[in-house]
Amino acid sequence: MLGMQMAQGNDGYSQRLKTFLQSDVCDWLFAINEASVVANTRNGLLEKETAHAIRSALSEMQMELAQDGAVRPKLYITFEPLLLKKTGIGASVLHVGRSSQDILATTQQAITRQAVLTVADAVMGLENTFMELAQTQGDAVVPNYTNGVQAQPNRYAHYVYAQAYVFLRILDRFKALINRYDICPMGAGVLNGGAWPLDTDYMARALGFSEDPHNAYDVGQLTCNDLPLELAQIIQSAMLWIVTFLQDFTVQYAQTRPWVLLDRSGSTYISSAMPQKRNPGMINDCRRDAGVVFNEAAHIAQRMHGLPTGMSDVRDMDLFVELIVDAVRVIEIFTDIVAHLKINRERALEEINADWSCTQHLADTLMQKAGIAFRAGHHAASAWVTFARANVKTPANTTYADMCEFWTGFVKEHPELPQTFPLSEEDFKATLDPECIVEARATAGGPQKASLDAQRAEIQGRLARFATEFDAVATRISQAHAMRQKDLAEL
């Protein structure tokens, strides 16, 4: 478990994790029994005197099990004896038509739903931090890379918004996950329902679900394995993208003068042997821990593999809660890293101008302003880069005369091209200007200001909708609890 290790450097659990950990399996065993008392009493299946006795016993148990050192049951077969000890065996009528199977499935479904909301909340925090980073650092023109090699200049905001779109998809998967599994298993019994007509519609509403069982076998035996599996796969995706971002960033520490750094106290440590060395400890730890969480999530699929129907290996809630805590901790620490990134704009431009990452724009301009076919212009531009590198020329020290000299030699082997360099000095200089190149991107979704403004508005709009939708689920759960307590009081 990463939680304790990571907490040491970050002052313990965040409020979102504390809230998640406040509700355990035992809490949901109480909730299920409270809802069952109301439903069965209303339908005449439970005598009021017995209902009152059960209600009082449940209230006493809640106080007793809230005490420090109390052993809180995690299974109904250990919960029920505590109840019957207070009420007598007659109260076991409450369990007619139910099973440990549908009760276990319901507790797991409820806790997993809360886990989705908790991880989604952490991702929402990350997304808001991406928005802040784009606002404060995003106007910088920086080098971007493909295949690990400098490729083209870009606005940093364009890169940051791309990361935000990745995590929007993850939020969309969380939302779909809640919608897909918003079903209460109570009433499914062991696997095909029960002879006792439990009011499954009330049970669903009183436990904060939107639907009662559609297929008892599915919700009681299959859904409860599928849900944690899907959630684990989404968490794996989040961890992979966190590592990708960190890998993009970590390579900067190999440079003597990085153009982007983590500006946070305590993020690096000095080598024990080399006084000059500053190792990116916080980044390395976050990347390592993301890998550990990825493997924790993989264990769910591994535990599920080869199981016959009805086995509950996947529903080990201790391991599941540990996964959620660790995943949220990694997302929170990654968010802290993102919040403290700083761009050295001058150094970023220096990096771009040290090589020929702007050369595609030269080929584009030869086509647009001189009518040269793109592939011919691409070939000429590539040959120019070979010539420039051989003669220690960079965009920073190249002159128009240098290009004209190259062109004169190049067209001797390409007589189909203009015999003099076909661009003006102004047009040629523009092909070397990273700022000019970034703004020249004309297609939708590019780094030009109008496009970035549109991307920001779209991301913020989608985040607002996600916040509303997740809040609605959380409110429904709270309202279900209030309704259940009100109904109990009215018995």
Protein backbone atom coordinates (compact mmCIF):
# COMPACT_ATOMS: atom_id res chain seq x y z
CA MET A 1 0.00 0.00 0.00
CA LEU A 2 1.36 3.40 -1.02
CA GLY A 3 -0.94 5.46 1.14
CA MET A 4 1.24 5.62 4.27
CA GLN A 5 4.52 6.12 2.38
CA MET A 6 3.09 8.94 0.31
CA ALA A 7 1.29 10.50 3.26
CA GLN A 8 4.59 11.04 5.08
CA GLY A 9 5.57 13.74 2.63
CA ASN A 10 2.12 15.19 2.12
CA ASP A 11 0.58 15.65 5.58
CA GLY A 12 -1.73 12.67 5.50
CA TYR A 13 -4.85 11.91 3.49
CA SER A 14 -6.71 14.62 1.62
CA GLN A 15 -10.27 15.47 2.58
CA ARG A 16 -11.61 13.53 -0.42
CA LEU A 17 -9.89 10.36 0.83
CA LYS A 18 -10.98 10.91 4.41
CA THR A 19 -14.58 11.23 3.19
CA PHE A 20 -14.26 8.05 1.12
CA LEU A 21 -12.83 6.09 4.05
CA GLN A 22 -15.57 7.24 6.44
CA SER A 23 -18.08 4.79 4.93
CA ASP A 24 -17.24 1.08 5.11
CA VAL A 25 -18.96 -2.24 4.45
CA CYS A 26 -20.48 -2.22 7.92
CA ASP A 27 -22.19 1.13 7.25
CA TRP A 28 -23.85 -0.34 4.19
CA LEU A 29 -24.93 -3.45 6.11
CA PHE A 30 -26.78 -1.09 8.43
CA ALA A 31 -28.26 0.81 5.48
CA ILE A 32 -29.49 -2.40 3.81
CA ASN A 33 -31.13 -3.61 7.01
CA GLU A 34 -32.75 -0.23 7.66
CA ALA A 35 -34.20 -0.17 4.15
CA SER A 36 -35.37 -3.78 4.52
CA VAL A 37 -37.17 -2.96 7.78
CA VAL A 38 -39.10 -0.12 6.16
CA ALA A 39 -39.91 -2.00 2.94
CA ASN A 40 -41.11 -5.18 4.66
CA THR A 41 -43.12 -3.35 7.30
CA ARG A 42 -44.92 -1.25 4.72
CA ASN A 43 -45.78 -4.35 2.72
CA GLY A 44 -47.11 -6.21 5.74
CA LEU A 45 -44.28 -8.74 5.67
CA LEU A 46 -42.86 -7.64 9.00
CA GLU A 47 -44.90 -7.05 12.15
CA LYS A 48 -44.50 -3.56 13.56
CA GLU A 49 -43.46 -4.82 16.98
CA THR A 50 -40.64 -6.83 15.41
CA ALA A 51 -39.75 -3.89 13.16
CA HIS A 52 -39.47 -1.58 16.16
CA ALA A 53 -37.24 -4.08 17.98
CA ILE A 54 -34.96 -4.41 14.96
CA ARG A 55 -34.82 -0.66 14.50
CA SER A 56 -33.82 -0.13 18.14
CA ALA A 57 -31.24 -2.92 17.98
CA LEU A 58 -29.70 -1.46 14.84
CA SER A 59 -29.43 1.92 16.53
CA GLU A 60 -27.67 0.39 19.55
CA MET A 61 -25.32 -1.58 17.34
CA GLN A 62 -24.35 1.53 15.40
CA MET A 63 -23.29 3.30 18.58
CA GLU A 64 -21.41 0.28 19.90
CA LEU A 65 -19.58 -0.40 16.64
CA ALA A 66 -18.58 3.24 16.35
CA GLN A 67 -16.46 2.95 19.50
CA ASP A 68 -12.68 2.77 19.23
CA GLY A 69 -11.47 -0.80 19.04
CA ALA A 70 -14.85 -2.22 17.99
CA VAL A 71 -14.64 -5.00 15.40
CA ARG A 72 -16.93 -3.92 12.57
CA PRO A 73 -18.45 -6.85 10.63
CA LYS A 74 -17.65 -7.10 6.92
CA LEU A 75 -20.02 -9.98 6.15
CA TYR A 76 -23.71 -10.46 6.90
CA ILE A 77 -23.03 -13.82 8.50
CA THR A 78 -21.03 -12.01 11.21
CA PHE A 79 -23.38 -9.01 11.33
CA GLU A 80 -26.65 -10.93 11.88
CA PRO A 81 -25.59 -12.73 15.10
CA LEU A 82 -24.97 -9.34 16.73
CA LEU A 83 -28.46 -8.25 15.74
CA LEU A 84 -30.18 -11.45 16.90
CA LYS A 85 -28.35 -11.27 20.21
CA LYS A 86 -30.28 -8.08 20.92
CA THR A 87 -33.65 -9.02 19.39
CA GLY A 88 -33.98 -12.79 19.62
CA ILE A 89 -34.06 -15.25 16.79
CA GLY A 90 -37.49 -14.08 15.64
CA ALA A 91 -35.89 -11.07 14.03
CA SER A 92 -34.19 -13.40 11.54
CA VAL A 93 -37.43 -13.07 9.52
CA LEU A 94 -35.80 -9.90 8.16
CA HIS A 95 -33.44 -12.06 6.12
CA VAL A 96 -36.12 -14.14 4.37
CA GLY A 97 -35.75 -13.64 0.62
CA ARG A 98 -32.30 -12.12 0.98
CA SER A 99 -28.86 -13.68 0.77
CA SER A 100 -25.29 -12.87 1.69
CA GLN A 101 -24.83 -12.85 -2.07
CA ASP A 102 -27.11 -9.91 -2.92
CA ILE A 103 -26.11 -8.11 0.29
CA LEU A 104 -22.41 -8.46 -0.52
CA ALA A 105 -23.05 -7.36 -4.10
CA THR A 106 -24.96 -4.30 -2.88
CA THR A 107 -22.31 -3.21 -0.36
CA GLN A 108 -19.63 -3.62 -2.98
CA GLN A 109 -21.70 -1.78 -5.61
CA ALA A 110 -22.30 1.12 -3.22
CA ILE A 111 -18.67 1.43 -2.13
CA THR A 112 -17.42 1.14 -5.71
CA ARG A 113 -19.82 3.88 -6.77
CA GLN A 114 -18.36 6.09 -4.03
CA ALA A 115 -14.88 5.12 -5.23
CA VAL A 116 -15.71 6.29 -8.75
CA LEU A 117 -16.89 9.64 -7.40
CA THR A 118 -13.71 9.93 -5.30
CA VAL A 119 -11.28 9.21 -8.13
CA ALA A 120 -13.32 11.39 -10.50
CA ASP A 121 -13.09 14.24 -7.99
CA ALA A 122 -9.30 13.89 -7.95
CA VAL A 123 -9.22 13.96 -11.77
CA MET A 124 -11.42 17.06 -11.75
CA GLY A 125 -8.83 18.71 -9.50
CA LEU A 126 -6.10 17.73 -11.96
CA GLU A 127 -8.10 19.15 -14.87
CA ASN A 128 -8.57 22.48 -13.11
CA THR A 129 -4.82 22.58 -12.48
CA PHE A 130 -4.15 21.97 -16.19
CA MET A 131 -6.41 24.96 -16.90
CA GLU A 132 -4.43 27.14 -14.48
CA LEU A 133 -1.11 26.00 -16.00
CA ALA A 134 -2.31 26.85 -19.49
CA GLN A 135 -3.42 30.26 -18.26
CA THR A 136 -0.12 31.17 -16.58
CA GLN A 137 2.46 29.39 -18.77
CA GLY A 138 0.58 28.52 -21.93
CA ASP A 139 1.54 31.49 -24.13
CA ALA A 140 5.15 30.30 -24.24
CA VAL A 141 6.41 28.87 -27.53
CA VAL A 142 8.21 25.62 -26.77
CA PRO A 143 9.71 22.67 -28.66
CA ASN A 144 7.55 19.58 -29.03
CA TYR A 145 8.90 16.11 -29.76
CA THR A 146 8.00 12.97 -31.68
CA ASN A 147 9.99 9.75 -31.52
CA GLY A 148 12.00 11.45 -28.78
CA VAL A 149 13.35 14.03 -31.27
CA GLN A 150 12.52 17.72 -31.50
CA ALA A 151 9.75 17.97 -34.09
CA GLN A 152 7.97 21.36 -34.22
CA PRO A 153 7.50 24.48 -32.14
CA ASN A 154 4.18 24.82 -30.37
CA ARG A 155 2.34 26.87 -27.79
CA TYR A 156 2.65 25.22 -24.38
CA ALA A 157 -1.09 25.72 -23.87
CA HIS A 158 -1.74 23.49 -26.88
CA TYR A 159 0.24 20.68 -25.26
CA VAL A 160 -1.47 21.24 -21.88
CA TYR A 161 -4.96 21.25 -23.39
CA ALA A 162 -4.12 18.00 -25.17
CA GLN A 163 -3.40 16.49 -21.74
CA ALA A 164 -6.70 17.90 -20.45
CA TYR A 165 -8.58 16.19 -23.30
CA VAL A 166 -7.03 12.86 -22.29
CA PHE A 167 -8.43 13.19 -18.77
CA LEU A 168 -11.79 14.42 -20.09
CA ARG A 169 -12.10 11.02 -21.74
CA ILE A 170 -11.28 9.39 -18.42
CA LEU A 171 -13.99 11.46 -16.72
CA ASP A 172 -16.41 10.47 -19.47
CA ARG A 173 -15.64 6.81 -18.77
CA PHE A 174 -16.27 7.38 -15.04
CA LYS A 175 -19.63 8.96 -15.83
CA ALA A 176 -20.57 6.10 -18.14
CA LEU A 177 -19.45 3.60 -15.51
CA ILE A 178 -21.78 5.06 -12.88
CA ASN A 179 -24.68 5.13 -15.35
CA ARG A 180 -24.05 1.58 -16.49
CA TYR A 181 -23.91 0.09 -13.00
CA ASP A 182 -26.48 2.27 -11.19
CA ILE A 183 -28.46 -0.86 -10.27
CA CYS A 184 -29.28 -2.12 -6.78
CA PRO A 185 -28.71 -5.90 -6.42
CA MET A 186 -31.06 -6.26 -3.42
CA GLY A 187 -33.78 -8.78 -4.23
CA ALA A 188 -31.50 -10.84 -6.43
CA GLY A 189 -31.12 -13.36 -3.59
CA VAL A 190 -28.54 -15.99 -4.27
CA LEU A 191 -28.93 -15.69 -8.03
CA ASN A 192 -32.59 -15.98 -9.07
CA GLY A 193 -34.51 -13.80 -6.64
CA GLY A 194 -36.49 -15.00 -3.66
CA ALA A 195 -39.96 -16.22 -2.63
CA TRP A 196 -40.35 -13.27 -0.25
CA PRO A 197 -41.56 -10.27 -2.33
CA LEU A 198 -38.97 -7.70 -1.26
CA ASP A 199 -39.85 -4.22 -2.52
CA THR A 200 -36.83 -3.84 -4.78
CA ASP A 201 -37.95 -0.46 -6.07
CA TYR A 202 -37.93 0.99 -2.56
CA MET A 203 -34.65 -0.76 -1.72
CA ALA A 204 -33.01 0.88 -4.75
CA ARG A 205 -34.29 4.35 -3.90
CA ALA A 206 -33.48 4.02 -0.18
CA LEU A 207 -29.88 3.06 -1.02
CA GLY A 208 -29.38 5.76 -3.63
CA PHE A 209 -29.59 3.65 -6.81
CA SER A 210 -31.68 4.55 -9.86
CA GLU A 211 -32.76 1.01 -10.83
CA ASP A 212 -33.70 -2.28 -9.21
CA PRO A 213 -32.53 -5.63 -10.68
CA HIS A 214 -33.19 -6.32 -14.34
CA ASN A 215 -31.67 -9.81 -14.19
CA ALA A 216 -31.08 -11.31 -10.74
CA TYR A 217 -28.29 -13.60 -11.92
CA ASP A 218 -26.42 -10.73 -13.57
CA VAL A 219 -26.65 -8.16 -10.76
CA GLY A 220 -25.93 -10.68 -8.01
CA GLN A 221 -23.13 -12.70 -9.59
CA LEU A 222 -21.71 -10.96 -12.67
CA THR A 223 -22.10 -7.20 -12.40
CA CYS A 224 -20.34 -7.12 -9.06
CA ASN A 225 -17.21 -8.58 -10.70
CA ASP A 226 -17.47 -6.54 -13.89
CA LEU A 227 -17.72 -3.18 -12.11
CA PRO A 228 -14.41 -3.28 -10.19
CA LEU A 229 -12.73 -4.72 -13.30
CA GLU A 230 -13.86 -1.79 -15.45
CA LEU A 231 -12.94 0.75 -12.79
CA ALA A 232 -9.48 -0.79 -12.45
CA GLN A 233 -8.98 -0.54 -16.21
CA ILE A 234 -9.85 3.16 -16.19
CA ILE A 235 -7.44 3.72 -13.31
CA GLN A 236 -4.74 1.92 -15.30
CA SER A 237 -5.36 4.30 -18.19
CA ALA A 238 -4.98 7.31 -15.89
CA MET A 239 -1.72 5.96 -14.48
CA LEU A 240 -0.33 5.33 -17.97
CA TRP A 241 -1.01 8.92 -19.04
CA ILE A 242 0.48 10.30 -15.84
CA VAL A 243 3.67 8.34 -16.53
CA THR A 244 3.70 9.53 -20.16
CA PHE A 245 3.49 13.17 -19.07
CA LEU A 246 6.26 12.65 -16.50
CA GLN A 247 8.45 10.90 -19.06
CA ASP A 248 8.00 13.84 -21.46
CA PHE A 249 9.05 16.14 -18.67
CA THR A 250 11.84 14.14 -17.02
CA VAL A 251 14.08 14.20 -20.10
CA GLN A 252 14.54 17.93 -19.45
CA TYR A 253 16.66 17.07 -16.42
CA ALA A 254 19.28 15.59 -18.76
CA GLN A 255 19.92 19.09 -20.11
CA THR A 256 22.26 21.55 -18.45
CA ARG A 257 19.62 24.24 -18.92
CA PRO A 258 16.09 22.78 -19.08
CA TRP A 259 13.34 24.94 -20.59
CA VAL A 260 10.72 23.57 -18.19
CA LEU A 261 11.30 22.81 -14.51
CA LEU A 262 9.40 21.82 -11.41
CA ASP A 263 9.56 24.98 -9.30
CA ARG A 264 8.70 23.42 -5.94
CA SER A 265 10.66 23.23 -2.71
CA GLY A 266 11.78 19.70 -1.93
CA SER A 267 11.16 18.35 -5.43
CA THR A 268 14.83 17.44 -5.94
CA TYR A 269 17.61 16.02 -3.80
CA ILE A 270 21.41 16.34 -3.98
CA SER A 271 23.46 13.30 -4.95
CA SER A 272 25.40 11.72 -2.09
CA ALA A 273 28.59 11.74 -4.18
CA MET A 274 28.16 14.51 -6.76
CA PRO A 275 27.62 17.96 -5.21
CA GLN A 276 26.39 19.50 -8.47
CA LYS A 277 23.68 16.93 -9.13
CA ARG A 278 19.99 17.67 -8.45
CA ASN A 279 17.91 14.53 -8.90
CA PRO A 280 14.16 14.91 -9.61
CA GLY A 281 13.05 12.81 -6.65
CA MET A 282 9.42 13.90 -6.53
CA ILE A 283 8.91 13.14 -10.21
CA ASN A 284 10.67 9.78 -9.98
CA ASP A 285 8.61 8.80 -6.94
CA CYS A 286 5.34 9.76 -8.61
CA ARG A 287 6.24 7.80 -11.74
CA ARG A 288 7.21 4.77 -9.64
CA ASP A 289 4.00 4.93 -7.60
CA ALA A 290 1.88 5.25 -10.73
CA GLY A 291 3.46 2.00 -11.90
CA VAL A 292 2.66 0.34 -8.58
CA VAL A 293 -0.99 1.43 -8.83
CA PHE A 294 -1.12 0.14 -12.41
CA ASN A 295 -0.06 -3.27 -11.13
CA GLU A 296 -2.49 -3.14 -8.19
CA ALA A 297 -5.28 -2.57 -10.71
CA ALA A 298 -4.04 -5.45 -12.84
CA HIS A 299 -4.45 -7.77 -9.84
CA ILE A 300 -8.23 -7.44 -10.14
CA ALA A 301 -8.19 -9.02 -13.59
CA GLN A 302 -5.69 -11.61 -12.39
CA ARG A 303 -7.88 -12.58 -9.43
CA MET A 304 -10.91 -12.79 -11.71
CA HIS A 305 -9.20 -14.91 -14.35
CA GLY A 306 -10.31 -18.55 -14.32
CA LEU A 307 -12.94 -18.13 -11.58
CA PRO A 308 -16.25 -19.97 -11.83
CA THR A 309 -19.39 -17.86 -11.47
CA GLY A 310 -20.24 -16.86 -7.92
CA MET A 311 -16.73 -16.65 -6.52
CA SER A 312 -16.03 -13.39 -4.72
CA ASP A 313 -12.23 -13.12 -5.08
CA VAL A 314 -12.64 -9.89 -7.04
CA ARG A 315 -14.77 -8.41 -4.26
CA ASP A 316 -12.01 -8.21 -1.66
CA MET A 317 -12.92 -4.76 -0.39
CA ASP A 318 -9.73 -4.28 1.63
CA LEU A 319 -7.61 -4.66 -1.51
CA PHE A 320 -10.08 -2.58 -3.51
CA VAL A 321 -10.08 0.31 -1.03
CA GLU A 322 -6.27 0.18 -0.96
CA LEU A 323 -6.24 0.55 -4.75
CA ILE A 324 -8.54 3.59 -4.63
CA VAL A 325 -6.52 5.29 -1.88
CA ASP A 326 -3.26 4.73 -3.75
CA ALA A 327 -4.71 5.87 -7.10
CA VAL A 328 -6.04 9.10 -5.61
CA ARG A 329 -2.74 9.76 -3.84
CA VAL A 330 -0.85 9.45 -7.13
CA ILE A 331 -3.29 11.76 -8.92
CA GLU A 332 -3.03 14.30 -6.11
CA ILE A 333 0.78 14.30 -6.16
CA PHE A 334 0.80 14.51 -9.95
CA THR A 335 -1.58 17.49 -9.67
CA ASP A 336 0.89 19.14 -7.30
CA ILE A 337 3.66 18.61 -9.87
CA VAL A 338 1.57 20.14 -12.66
CA ALA A 339 0.72 23.12 -10.43
CA HIS A 340 4.42 23.97 -10.01
CA LEU A 341 5.69 23.67 -13.58
CA LYS A 342 7.43 26.79 -14.88
CA ILE A 343 8.53 27.56 -18.44
CA ASN A 344 11.78 29.40 -19.18
CA ARG A 345 10.55 31.13 -22.33
CA GLU A 346 13.95 32.40 -23.41
CA ARG A 347 15.50 28.97 -22.99
CA ALA A 348 12.63 27.30 -24.88
CA LEU A 349 13.17 29.58 -27.89
CA GLU A 350 16.91 28.97 -27.67
CA GLU A 351 16.24 25.23 -27.83
CA ILE A 352 14.00 25.64 -30.88
CA ASN A 353 16.50 27.89 -32.65
CA ALA A 354 19.35 25.49 -31.99
CA ASP A 355 17.95 23.04 -34.56
CA TRP A 356 15.69 22.96 -37.60
CA SER A 357 12.32 21.99 -36.15
CA CYS A 358 10.69 24.80 -38.17
CA THR A 359 11.67 23.38 -41.55
CA GLN A 360 8.24 21.96 -42.47
CA HIS A 361 7.09 25.57 -42.71
CA LEU A 362 9.78 26.20 -45.32
CA ALA A 363 8.34 23.40 -47.48
CA ASP A 364 4.83 24.75 -46.91
CA THR A 365 5.87 28.28 -47.90
CA LEU A 366 7.67 27.09 -51.04
CA MET A 367 4.40 25.47 -52.09
CA GLN A 368 2.09 28.33 -51.06
CA LYS A 369 4.14 31.29 -52.32
CA ALA A 370 6.34 29.84 -55.05
CA GLY A 371 4.07 27.14 -56.48
CA ILE A 372 6.59 24.36 -55.88
CA ALA A 373 5.03 20.93 -55.34
CA PHE A 374 5.09 19.99 -51.68
CA ARG A 375 7.19 16.85 -52.11
CA ALA A 376 9.75 18.78 -54.19
CA GLY A 377 9.79 21.53 -51.57
CA HIS A 378 10.06 18.94 -48.81
CA HIS A 379 13.08 17.40 -50.58
CA ALA A 380 14.70 20.83 -50.96
CA ALA A 381 14.06 21.73 -47.32
CA SER A 382 15.52 18.42 -46.14
CA ALA A 383 18.63 18.96 -48.29
CA TRP A 384 18.93 22.47 -46.84
CA VAL A 385 18.97 21.07 -43.29
CA THR A 386 21.75 18.63 -44.25
CA PHE A 387 23.72 21.53 -45.76
CA ALA A 388 23.10 23.80 -42.77
CA ARG A 389 24.14 21.23 -40.20
CA ALA A 390 27.29 20.40 -42.13
CA ASN A 391 28.16 24.11 -42.14
CA VAL A 392 27.20 24.68 -38.46
CA LYS A 393 24.23 26.81 -39.42
CA THR A 394 21.22 27.16 -37.14
CA PRO A 395 18.07 29.29 -37.48
CA ALA A 396 19.74 31.77 -35.11
CA ASN A 397 22.83 32.41 -37.28
CA THR A 398 21.53 31.69 -40.80
CA THR A 399 21.32 34.55 -43.32
CA TYR A 400 19.27 34.93 -46.48
CA ALA A 401 22.54 34.81 -48.41
CA ASP A 402 23.25 31.36 -46.93
CA MET A 403 19.99 30.02 -48.32
CA CYS A 404 20.57 31.60 -51.73
CA GLU A 405 24.05 30.05 -51.88
CA PHE A 406 22.62 26.62 -51.03
CA TRP A 407 19.84 26.98 -53.61
CA THR A 408 22.25 27.79 -56.40
CA GLY A 409 24.08 24.52 -55.81
CA PHE A 410 20.90 22.49 -55.20
CA VAL A 411 19.11 23.42 -58.46
CA LYS A 412 22.06 22.24 -60.55
CA GLU A 413 20.75 18.72 -59.88
CA HIS A 414 17.11 19.86 -60.03
CA PRO A 415 16.76 21.98 -63.17
CA GLU A 416 12.96 21.76 -62.97
CA LEU A 417 13.04 24.17 -60.00
CA PRO A 418 13.49 27.98 -60.22
CA GLN A 419 17.15 28.82 -60.76
CA THR A 420 17.14 31.52 -58.08
CA PHE A 421 15.69 31.06 -54.61
CA PRO A 422 11.98 31.87 -55.12
CA LEU A 423 11.18 33.43 -51.69
CA SER A 424 11.84 36.97 -50.58
CA GLU A 425 14.12 37.59 -47.62
CA GLU A 426 11.05 38.52 -45.53
CA ASP A 427 9.23 35.29 -46.43
CA PHE A 428 12.34 33.22 -45.75
CA LYS A 429 12.90 34.83 -42.36
CA ALA A 430 9.29 34.08 -41.48
CA THR A 431 9.97 30.36 -42.03
CA LEU A 432 12.59 30.58 -39.25
CA ASP A 433 10.39 32.40 -36.72
CA PRO A 434 8.77 29.95 -34.25
CA GLU A 435 6.10 32.47 -33.27
CA CYS A 436 5.18 33.05 -36.90
CA ILE A 437 5.09 29.31 -37.58
CA VAL A 438 2.79 28.58 -34.63
CA GLU A 439 0.33 31.28 -35.67
CA ALA A 440 0.42 30.06 -39.29
CA ARG A 441 -1.25 26.78 -38.32
CA ALA A 442 -4.60 27.22 -40.07
CA THR A 443 -6.54 24.03 -39.39
CA ALA A 444 -9.05 23.48 -36.60
CA GLY A 445 -7.66 22.42 -33.24
CA GLY A 446 -4.33 24.15 -33.71
CA PRO A 447 -2.24 26.39 -31.44
CA GLN A 448 -3.37 29.75 -32.83
CA LYS A 449 -5.00 32.03 -30.23
CA ALA A 450 -8.58 31.76 -31.49
CA SER A 451 -8.36 27.97 -31.56
CA LEU A 452 -6.83 27.80 -28.07
CA ASP A 453 -9.61 30.03 -26.73
CA ALA A 454 -12.18 27.68 -28.26
CA GLN A 455 -10.45 24.62 -26.79
CA ARG A 456 -10.35 26.22 -23.34
CA ALA A 457 -14.04 27.10 -23.50
CA GLU A 458 -14.95 23.55 -24.56
CA ILE A 459 -12.88 21.93 -21.81
CA GLN A 460 -14.27 24.23 -19.14
CA GLY A 461 -17.82 23.62 -20.35
CA ARG A 462 -17.38 19.87 -20.23
CA LEU A 463 -15.80 20.04 -16.79
CA ALA A 464 -18.77 22.06 -15.52
CA ARG A 465 -21.17 19.44 -16.88
CA PHE A 466 -19.18 16.62 -15.29
CA ALA A 467 -19.20 18.46 -11.95
CA THR A 468 -22.98 18.82 -12.15
CA GLU A 469 -23.49 15.17 -13.06
CA PHE A 470 -21.19 13.79 -10.34
CA ASP A 471 -22.72 16.15 -7.77
CA ALA A 472 -26.17 14.88 -8.73
CA VAL A 473 -25.14 11.29 -7.94
CA ALA A 474 -23.60 12.31 -4.61
CA THR A 475 -26.74 14.30 -3.74
CA ARG A 476 -28.97 11.34 -4.61
CA ILE A 477 -26.98 9.13 -2.20
CA SER A 478 -27.25 11.73 0.59
CA GLN A 479 -30.96 12.19 -0.04
CA ALA A 480 -31.49 8.42 0.03
CA HIS A 481 -29.88 8.30 3.48
CA ALA A 482 -32.12 11.13 4.70
CA MET A 483 -35.21 9.46 3.25
CA ARG A 484 -34.33 6.14 4.90
CA GLN A 485 -33.91 7.77 8.31
CA LYS A 486 -37.19 9.63 7.91
CA ASP A 487 -39.01 6.45 6.92
CA LEU A 488 -37.52 4.58 9.88
CA ALA A 489 -38.66 7.29 12.25
CA GLU A 490 -42.20 7.08 10.87
CA LEU A 491 -42.60 3.34 11.46
